[in-house]
């Protein structure tokens, strides 16, 4: 499994693509590709054929590539992880309509530090991650890329099951789910 993961990374490097572009080129959800590349999911034979076809190759041709050396794997993972954390922080700011100053105030950080985190010039510490998760009621799993949507940490088994199901949805399925929820929930009177 690790060799396939490293071969996928070598393919990404060969074509100078990040996870987003690679997943898009291969016709796969970005979250699914992230899970495969970070050893949280197995590449299916159908996905391997799909990836090869995206590059106009057979599966044998596409995977006849030297695996990326481990030092390059670590560097690539670090870069991709840092980009993803920056994107998730910006998503939280956007959802909550917060300026860097308001973001900082809500989670107890300095405005300068938040600006650096949001523009990707700084790396978030564990303490900062906890403060941001608490301040915006999002799970650390989301901040660290283990969960695709900025939901709070589940507190009951029912919430755990619901969040697991939601986490497996693609954006179209999530939009459909949200519409069903809107129809089922009582509307507040204006």
C-alpha atoms as a PDB file:
ATOM      1  CA  UNK A   1       0.000   0.000   0.000  1.00  0.00           C
ATOM      2  CA  UNK A   2       2.744   2.437   0.922  1.00  0.00           C
ATOM      3  CA  UNK A   3       4.497   1.792  -2.381  1.00  0.00           C
ATOM      4  CA  UNK A   4       1.311   2.583  -4.336  1.00  0.00           C
ATOM      5  CA  UNK A   5       0.889   5.756  -2.294  1.00  0.00           C
ATOM      6  CA  UNK A   6       4.476   6.741  -3.068  1.00  0.00           C
ATOM      7  CA  UNK A   7       3.949   5.916  -6.749  1.00  0.00           C
ATOM      8  CA  UNK A   8       0.883   8.183  -6.822  1.00  0.00           C
ATOM      9  CA  UNK A   9       2.976  10.939  -5.271  1.00  0.00           C
ATOM     10  CA  UNK A  10       5.678  10.341  -7.886  1.00  0.00           C
ATOM     11  CA  UNK A  11       3.007  10.643 -10.583  1.00  0.00           C
ATOM     12  CA  UNK A  12       1.827  13.931  -9.026  1.00  0.00           C
ATOM     13  CA  UNK A  13       5.389  15.221  -8.948  1.00  0.00           C
ATOM     14  CA  UNK A  14       6.044  14.118 -12.533  1.00  0.00           C
ATOM     15  CA  UNK A  15       3.008  16.098 -13.711  1.00  0.00           C
ATOM     16  CA  UNK A  16       3.681  18.965 -11.249  1.00  0.00           C
ATOM     17  CA  UNK A  17       0.277  18.710  -9.587  1.00  0.00           C
ATOM     18  CA  UNK A  18      -0.971  19.207  -6.072  1.00  0.00           C
ATOM     19  CA  UNK A  19      -3.690  17.006  -4.590  1.00  0.00           C
ATOM     20  CA  UNK A  20      -6.500  19.251  -5.837  1.00  0.00           C
ATOM     21  CA  UNK A  21      -5.353  19.270  -9.466  1.00  0.00           C
ATOM     22  CA  UNK A  22      -4.436  15.576  -9.384  1.00  0.00           C
ATOM     23  CA  UNK A  23      -7.819  14.528  -7.983  1.00  0.00           C
ATOM     24  CA  UNK A  24      -9.627  16.714 -10.508  1.00  0.00           C
ATOM     25  CA  UNK A  25      -7.580  15.317 -13.424  1.00  0.00           C
ATOM     26  CA  UNK A  26      -8.354  11.773 -12.239  1.00  0.00           C
ATOM     27  CA  UNK A  27     -12.075  12.495 -11.783  1.00  0.00           C
ATOM     28  CA  UNK A  28     -11.968  11.758  -8.061  1.00  0.00           C
ATOM     29  CA  UNK A  29     -13.139  13.648  -5.003  1.00  0.00           C
ATOM     30  CA  UNK A  30     -10.258  15.548  -3.402  1.00  0.00           C
ATOM     31  CA  UNK A  31     -11.092  14.143   0.044  1.00  0.00           C
ATOM     32  CA  UNK A  32     -10.929  10.610  -1.303  1.00  0.00           C
ATOM     33  CA  UNK A  33      -7.555  11.271  -2.911  1.00  0.00           C
ATOM     34  CA  UNK A  34      -6.267  12.788   0.346  1.00  0.00           C
ATOM     35  CA  UNK A  35      -7.342   9.678   2.270  1.00  0.00           C
ATOM     36  CA  UNK A  36      -5.495   7.427  -0.178  1.00  0.00           C
ATOM     37  CA  UNK A  37      -2.345   9.561  -0.182  1.00  0.00           C
ATOM     38  CA  UNK A  38      -2.267   9.828   3.604  1.00  0.00           C
ATOM     39  CA  UNK A  39      -2.792   6.082   4.203  1.00  0.00           C
ATOM     40  CA  UNK A  40      -6.343   6.494   5.487  1.00  0.00           C
ATOM     41  CA  UNK A  41      -7.894   4.655   2.541  1.00  0.00           C
ATOM     42  CA  UNK A  42      -6.991   1.976   0.019  1.00  0.00           C
ATOM     43  CA  UNK A  43      -6.855   2.569  -3.711  1.00  0.00           C
ATOM     44  CA  UNK A  44      -9.391   0.303  -5.415  1.00  0.00           C
ATOM     45  CA  UNK A  45      -8.561  -1.407  -8.704  1.00  0.00           C
ATOM     46  CA  UNK A  46     -11.262   0.680 -10.418  1.00  0.00           C
ATOM     47  CA  UNK A  47      -9.661   3.887  -9.084  1.00  0.00           C
ATOM     48  CA  UNK A  48      -6.230   2.733 -10.296  1.00  0.00           C
ATOM     49  CA  UNK A  49      -7.659   2.195 -13.797  1.00  0.00           C
ATOM     50  CA  UNK A  50      -9.376   5.603 -13.601  1.00  0.00           C
ATOM     51  CA  UNK A  51      -6.122   7.336 -12.645  1.00  0.00           C
ATOM     52  CA  UNK A  52      -4.216   5.622 -15.448  1.00  0.00           C
ATOM     53  CA  UNK A  53      -6.909   6.534 -17.981  1.00  0.00           C
ATOM     54  CA  UNK A  54      -6.737  10.178 -16.899  1.00  0.00           C
ATOM     55  CA  UNK A  55      -3.137  10.202 -18.119  1.00  0.00           C
ATOM     56  CA  UNK A  56      -3.893   8.173 -21.262  1.00  0.00           C
ATOM     57  CA  UNK A  57      -2.120   5.082 -19.974  1.00  0.00           C
ATOM     58  CA  UNK A  58      -2.844   1.538 -18.957  1.00  0.00           C
ATOM     59  CA  UNK A  59      -2.700   0.752 -15.270  1.00  0.00           C
ATOM     60  CA  UNK A  60       0.614  -1.056 -15.791  1.00  0.00           C
ATOM     61  CA  UNK A  61       2.115   1.961 -17.604  1.00  0.00           C
ATOM     62  CA  UNK A  62       0.889   4.495 -15.068  1.00  0.00           C
ATOM     63  CA  UNK A  63       2.221   2.565 -12.093  1.00  0.00           C
ATOM     64  CA  UNK A  64       5.525   1.641 -13.747  1.00  0.00           C
ATOM     65  CA  UNK A  65       7.169   4.558 -12.000  1.00  0.00           C
ATOM     66  CA  UNK A  66       9.723   4.631  -9.207  1.00  0.00           C
ATOM     67  CA  UNK A  67       8.106   5.401  -5.858  1.00  0.00           C
ATOM     68  CA  UNK A  68       8.890   8.827  -4.460  1.00  0.00           C
ATOM     69  CA  UNK A  69      11.750   8.633  -1.902  1.00  0.00           C
ATOM     70  CA  UNK A  70      10.550   8.918   1.705  1.00  0.00           C
ATOM     71  CA  UNK A  71      12.240  12.290   2.314  1.00  0.00           C
ATOM     72  CA  UNK A  72      10.333  13.734  -0.665  1.00  0.00           C
ATOM     73  CA  UNK A  73       7.116  12.074   0.543  1.00  0.00           C
ATOM     74  CA  UNK A  74       7.493  13.780   3.927  1.00  0.00           C
ATOM     75  CA  UNK A  75       8.206  17.134   2.273  1.00  0.00           C
ATOM     76  CA  UNK A  76       5.205  16.760  -0.039  1.00  0.00           C
ATOM     77  CA  UNK A  77       2.922  15.722   2.827  1.00  0.00           C
ATOM     78  CA  UNK A  78       4.097  18.656   4.923  1.00  0.00           C
ATOM     79  CA  UNK A  79       3.453  21.130   2.104  1.00  0.00           C
ATOM     80  CA  UNK A  80       0.022  19.679   1.270  1.00  0.00           C
ATOM     81  CA  UNK A  81      -0.933  19.547   4.960  1.00  0.00           C
ATOM     82  CA  UNK A  82       0.078  23.171   5.464  1.00  0.00           C
ATOM     83  CA  UNK A  83      -1.982  24.263   2.426  1.00  0.00           C
ATOM     84  CA  UNK A  84      -5.007  22.308   3.653  1.00  0.00           C
ATOM     85  CA  UNK A  85      -4.819  23.831   7.159  1.00  0.00           C
ATOM     86  CA  UNK A  86      -4.629  27.314   5.615  1.00  0.00           C
ATOM     87  CA  UNK A  87      -7.670  26.550   3.427  1.00  0.00           C
ATOM     88  CA  UNK A  88      -9.648  25.255   6.413  1.00  0.00           C
ATOM     89  CA  UNK A  89      -8.823  28.338   8.488  1.00  0.00           C
ATOM     90  CA  UNK A  90      -9.953  30.580   5.627  1.00  0.00           C
ATOM     91  CA  UNK A  91     -13.153  28.546   5.285  1.00  0.00           C
ATOM     92  CA  UNK A  92     -13.914  29.109   8.975  1.00  0.00           C
ATOM     93  CA  UNK A  93     -13.265  32.850   8.611  1.00  0.00           C
ATOM     94  CA  UNK A  94     -15.506  32.997   5.538  1.00  0.00           C
ATOM     95  CA  UNK A  95     -18.353  30.971   7.075  1.00  0.00           C
ATOM     96  CA  UNK A  96     -18.362  33.148  10.188  1.00  0.00           C
ATOM     97  CA  UNK A  97     -17.769  36.350   8.167  1.00  0.00           C
ATOM     98  CA  UNK A  98     -14.838  37.334  10.377  1.00  0.00           C
ATOM     99  CA  UNK A  99     -12.062  39.767   9.634  1.00  0.00           C
ATOM    100  CA  UNK A 100      -8.621  38.731  10.927  1.00  0.00           C
ATOM    101  CA  UNK A 101      -9.135  41.032  13.922  1.00  0.00           C
ATOM    102  CA  UNK A 102     -12.531  39.493  14.755  1.00  0.00           C
ATOM    103  CA  UNK A 103     -11.165  35.982  14.168  1.00  0.00           C
ATOM    104  CA  UNK A 104      -8.286  36.696  16.550  1.00  0.00           C
ATOM    105  CA  UNK A 105     -10.577  38.082  19.233  1.00  0.00           C
ATOM    106  CA  UNK A 106     -12.931  35.106  19.036  1.00  0.00           C
ATOM    107  CA  UNK A 107     -10.198  32.549  19.625  1.00  0.00           C
ATOM    108  CA  UNK A 108      -7.740  34.488  21.788  1.00  0.00           C
ATOM    109  CA  UNK A 109      -4.882  34.968  19.317  1.00  0.00           C
ATOM    110  CA  UNK A 110      -3.222  38.151  18.118  1.00  0.00           C
ATOM    111  CA  UNK A 111      -4.438  39.744  14.914  1.00  0.00           C
ATOM    112  CA  UNK A 112      -0.962  39.559  13.368  1.00  0.00           C
ATOM    113  CA  UNK A 113      -0.734  35.837  14.120  1.00  0.00           C
ATOM    114  CA  UNK A 114      -4.171  35.202  12.596  1.00  0.00           C
ATOM    115  CA  UNK A 115      -3.241  37.173   9.453  1.00  0.00           C
ATOM    116  CA  UNK A 116      -0.117  35.022   9.093  1.00  0.00           C
ATOM    117  CA  UNK A 117      -2.112  31.811   9.597  1.00  0.00           C
ATOM    118  CA  UNK A 118      -4.756  32.893   7.080  1.00  0.00           C
ATOM    119  CA  UNK A 119      -2.254  33.864   4.397  1.00  0.00           C
ATOM    120  CA  UNK A 120      -0.234  30.685   4.921  1.00  0.00           C
ATOM    121  CA  UNK A 121       3.008  32.284   6.079  1.00  0.00           C
ATOM    122  CA  UNK A 122       2.764  30.711   9.542  1.00  0.00           C
ATOM    123  CA  UNK A 123       2.150  27.180  10.747  1.00  0.00           C
ATOM    124  CA  UNK A 124      -0.524  26.570  13.341  1.00  0.00           C
ATOM    125  CA  UNK A 125       0.606  25.166  16.681  1.00  0.00           C
ATOM    126  CA  UNK A 126      -1.364  22.583  18.654  1.00  0.00           C
ATOM    127  CA  UNK A 127      -2.348  25.225  21.236  1.00  0.00           C
ATOM    128  CA  UNK A 128      -3.598  27.522  18.463  1.00  0.00           C
ATOM    129  CA  UNK A 129      -5.561  24.675  16.872  1.00  0.00           C
ATOM    130  CA  UNK A 130      -7.324  23.991  20.178  1.00  0.00           C
ATOM    131  CA  UNK A 131      -8.106  27.703  20.676  1.00  0.00           C
ATOM    132  CA  UNK A 132      -9.511  27.991  17.138  1.00  0.00           C
ATOM    133  CA  UNK A 133     -11.555  24.785  17.490  1.00  0.00           C
ATOM    134  CA  UNK A 134     -12.996  26.019  20.800  1.00  0.00           C
ATOM    135  CA  UNK A 135     -13.541  29.575  19.586  1.00  0.00           C
ATOM    136  CA  UNK A 136     -15.443  28.536  16.454  1.00  0.00           C
ATOM    137  CA  UNK A 137     -16.962  25.261  17.714  1.00  0.00           C
ATOM    138  CA  UNK A 138     -15.326  23.132  15.010  1.00  0.00           C
ATOM    139  CA  UNK A 139     -13.633  19.805  15.523  1.00  0.00           C
ATOM    140  CA  UNK A 140      -9.885  19.394  15.560  1.00  0.00           C
ATOM    141  CA  UNK A 141     -10.513  16.607  13.044  1.00  0.00           C
ATOM    142  CA  UNK A 142     -11.664  19.267  10.575  1.00  0.00           C
ATOM    143  CA  UNK A 143      -8.767  21.621  11.294  1.00  0.00           C
ATOM    144  CA  UNK A 144      -6.256  18.805  10.801  1.00  0.00           C
ATOM    145  CA  UNK A 145      -7.887  17.404   7.663  1.00  0.00           C
ATOM    146  CA  UNK A 146      -9.358  14.186   9.012  1.00  0.00           C
ATOM    147  CA  UNK A 147     -12.905  15.393   8.395  1.00  0.00           C
ATOM    148  CA  UNK A 148     -14.058  17.332   5.329  1.00  0.00           C
ATOM    149  CA  UNK A 149     -16.622  19.702   6.872  1.00  0.00           C
ATOM    150  CA  UNK A 150     -16.379  22.310   9.674  1.00  0.00           C
ATOM    151  CA  UNK A 151     -18.766  20.732  12.150  1.00  0.00           C
ATOM    152  CA  UNK A 152     -18.439  20.695  15.934  1.00  0.00           C
ATOM    153  CA  UNK A 153     -16.986  17.724  17.757  1.00  0.00           C
ATOM    154  CA  UNK A 154     -19.799  15.163  18.114  1.00  0.00           C
ATOM    155  CA  UNK A 155     -20.956  14.675  21.687  1.00  0.00           C
ATOM    156  CA  UNK A 156     -23.268  11.661  21.356  1.00  0.00           C
ATOM    157  CA  UNK A 157     -23.090   8.320  19.534  1.00  0.00           C
ATOM    158  CA  UNK A 158     -25.955   9.488  17.316  1.00  0.00           C
ATOM    159  CA  UNK A 159     -23.952  12.576  16.315  1.00  0.00           C
ATOM    160  CA  UNK A 160     -20.876  10.421  15.663  1.00  0.00           C
ATOM    161  CA  UNK A 161     -22.868   8.217  13.275  1.00  0.00           C
ATOM    162  CA  UNK A 162     -24.474  11.226  11.573  1.00  0.00           C
ATOM    163  CA  UNK A 163     -21.140  13.021  11.138  1.00  0.00           C
ATOM    164  CA  UNK A 164     -19.529   9.835   9.773  1.00  0.00           C
ATOM    165  CA  UNK A 165     -22.283   9.592   7.160  1.00  0.00           C
ATOM    166  CA  UNK A 166     -21.974  13.290   6.302  1.00  0.00           C
ATOM    167  CA  UNK A 167     -18.188  12.979   6.064  1.00  0.00           C
ATOM    168  CA  UNK A 168     -18.564  10.340   3.354  1.00  0.00           C
ATOM    169  CA  UNK A 169     -20.824  12.550   1.221  1.00  0.00           C
ATOM    170  CA  UNK A 170     -19.552  14.437  -1.791  1.00  0.00           C
ATOM    171  CA  UNK A 171     -20.598  18.081  -2.189  1.00  0.00           C
ATOM    172  CA  UNK A 172     -23.647  17.259  -4.345  1.00  0.00           C
ATOM    173  CA  UNK A 173     -24.912  14.730  -1.805  1.00  0.00           C
ATOM    174  CA  UNK A 174     -24.244  17.205   0.997  1.00  0.00           C
ATOM    175  CA  UNK A 175     -26.224  19.942  -0.791  1.00  0.00           C
ATOM    176  CA  UNK A 176     -29.130  17.528  -1.291  1.00  0.00           C
ATOM    177  CA  UNK A 177     -28.958  16.530   2.391  1.00  0.00           C
ATOM    178  CA  UNK A 178     -28.971  20.208   3.436  1.00  0.00           C
ATOM    179  CA  UNK A 179     -32.059  20.877   1.295  1.00  0.00           C
ATOM    180  CA  UNK A 180     -33.896  17.940   2.905  1.00  0.00           C
ATOM    181  CA  UNK A 181     -32.980  19.267   6.347  1.00  0.00           C
ATOM    182  CA  UNK A 182     -34.323  22.708   5.462  1.00  0.00           C
ATOM    183  CA  UNK A 183     -37.630  21.171   4.394  1.00  0.00           C
ATOM    184  CA  UNK A 184     -37.917  19.025   7.530  1.00  0.00           C
ATOM    185  CA  UNK A 185     -36.909  21.610  10.129  1.00  0.00           C
ATOM    186  CA  UNK A 186     -39.579  24.018  11.348  1.00  0.00           C
ATOM    187  CA  UNK A 187     -39.186  27.456   9.823  1.00  0.00           C
ATOM    188  CA  UNK A 188     -38.699  30.367  12.236  1.00  0.00           C
ATOM    189  CA  UNK A 189     -41.228  33.145  11.895  1.00  0.00           C
ATOM    190  CA  UNK A 190     -39.787  36.512  10.893  1.00  0.00           C
END
